[in-house]
Amino acid sequence: MDLKLHSNDKIRLITGSSKNNFIDCSAEYQEMALTVSFLCSQTYMEIRRKNNQVKTFYFESKRHKKEFEFGYWEDAEVIFAFNEVVHK
């Protein structure tokens, strides 16, 4: 499925039963940029690079990564990881 975002359009993609694992995609000024933002609370994000491709993974928590099958991306280089930990 292809979705075309025009200037100032926004869309939210959600997965998981808690609805706390989501990303917001938006088209910015005159469609010059596509932005992606995500909820930082209780979330783990990882960016991997392989064969001139980059893929971003968003998990509800870092522990979910251990159970995830990366398939083609298993041996990809992790170029950035972000883990938001909330201490109470």
Protein backbone atom coordinates (compact mmCIF):
# COMPACT_ATOMS: atom_id res chain seq x y z
CA MET A 1 0.00 0.00 0.00
CA ASP A 2 1.29 3.45 -0.88
CA LEU A 3 0.13 6.52 1.01
CA LYS A 4 0.89 9.97 -0.35
CA LEU A 5 1.20 12.68 2.27
CA HIS A 6 0.75 16.22 1.07
CA SER A 7 2.05 19.32 2.87
CA ASN A 8 0.91 19.36 6.50
CA ASP A 9 -0.68 15.88 6.27
CA LYS A 10 -0.10 13.60 9.26
CA ILE A 11 -0.75 9.91 9.88
CA ARG A 12 -0.34 7.73 12.98
CA LEU A 13 0.63 4.06 12.74
CA ILE A 14 -0.09 1.93 15.83
CA THR A 15 0.76 -1.64 16.75
CA GLY A 16 0.29 -3.66 19.92
CA SER A 17 -2.65 -3.90 22.27
CA SER A 18 -1.47 -1.09 24.56
CA LYS A 19 -1.47 1.47 21.71
CA ASN A 20 1.75 2.87 23.25
CA ASN A 21 3.86 1.70 20.31
CA PHE A 22 3.26 4.17 17.50
CA ILE A 23 4.93 6.49 15.05
CA ASP A 24 3.59 9.69 13.57
CA CYS A 25 4.51 10.46 9.96
CA SER A 26 4.08 13.88 8.44
CA ALA A 27 4.88 15.76 5.27
CA GLU A 28 6.57 19.05 5.98
CA TYR A 29 6.72 22.42 4.23
CA GLN A 30 5.98 22.01 0.51
CA GLU A 31 6.65 18.26 0.82
CA MET A 32 10.40 18.92 1.14
CA ALA A 33 10.72 16.44 3.98
CA LEU A 34 9.04 13.40 5.46
CA THR A 35 9.32 13.24 9.25
CA VAL A 36 8.76 10.36 11.65
CA SER A 37 8.34 10.80 15.39
CA PHE A 38 7.55 8.29 18.10
CA LEU A 39 6.48 8.10 21.73
CA CYS A 40 9.64 8.00 23.85
CA SER A 41 8.10 6.72 27.05
CA GLN A 42 8.78 3.00 27.53
CA THR A 43 10.09 2.66 23.97
CA TYR A 44 13.22 1.23 22.36
CA MET A 45 14.27 2.34 18.89
CA GLU A 46 17.07 0.95 16.75
CA ILE A 47 18.37 2.01 13.33
CA ARG A 48 20.16 -0.63 11.26
CA ARG A 49 22.07 -0.33 7.98
CA LYS A 50 22.75 -3.07 5.44
CA ASN A 51 23.66 -2.92 1.74
CA ASN A 52 22.98 0.83 1.43
CA GLN A 53 19.54 0.45 3.04
CA VAL A 54 18.47 1.81 6.42
CA LYS A 55 15.62 0.44 8.51
CA THR A 56 14.26 1.68 11.83
CA PHE A 57 12.71 -0.65 14.39
CA TYR A 58 10.44 0.57 17.22
CA PHE A 59 9.65 -1.71 20.16
CA GLU A 60 7.44 -1.19 23.21
CA SER A 61 10.50 -2.07 25.31
CA LYS A 62 14.04 -3.34 24.78
CA ARG A 63 13.07 -6.80 26.03
CA HIS A 64 10.85 -7.25 22.96
CA LYS A 65 13.95 -7.00 20.77
CA LYS A 66 15.26 -10.25 22.27
CA GLU A 67 12.15 -12.11 21.07
CA PHE A 68 12.04 -10.48 17.62
CA GLU A 69 13.15 -12.24 14.42
CA PHE A 70 15.04 -9.68 12.34
CA GLY A 71 15.38 -11.99 9.34
CA TYR A 72 17.32 -10.19 6.59
CA TRP A 73 18.27 -7.45 9.07
CA GLU A 74 19.74 -9.82 11.70
CA ASP A 75 23.37 -9.17 10.71
CA ALA A 76 22.89 -5.49 9.83
CA GLU A 77 25.04 -2.85 11.50
CA VAL A 78 23.26 -1.06 14.35
CA ILE A 79 24.08 2.59 13.68
CA PHE A 80 21.91 4.09 16.43
CA ALA A 81 19.86 2.86 19.38
CA PHE A 82 17.71 4.79 21.82
CA ASN A 83 16.32 3.34 25.02
CA GLU A 84 14.09 5.51 27.18
CA VAL A 85 14.04 4.16 30.71
CA VAL A 86 11.55 5.60 33.17
CA HIS A 87 12.66 5.20 36.79
CA LYS A 88 10.00 5.66 39.44
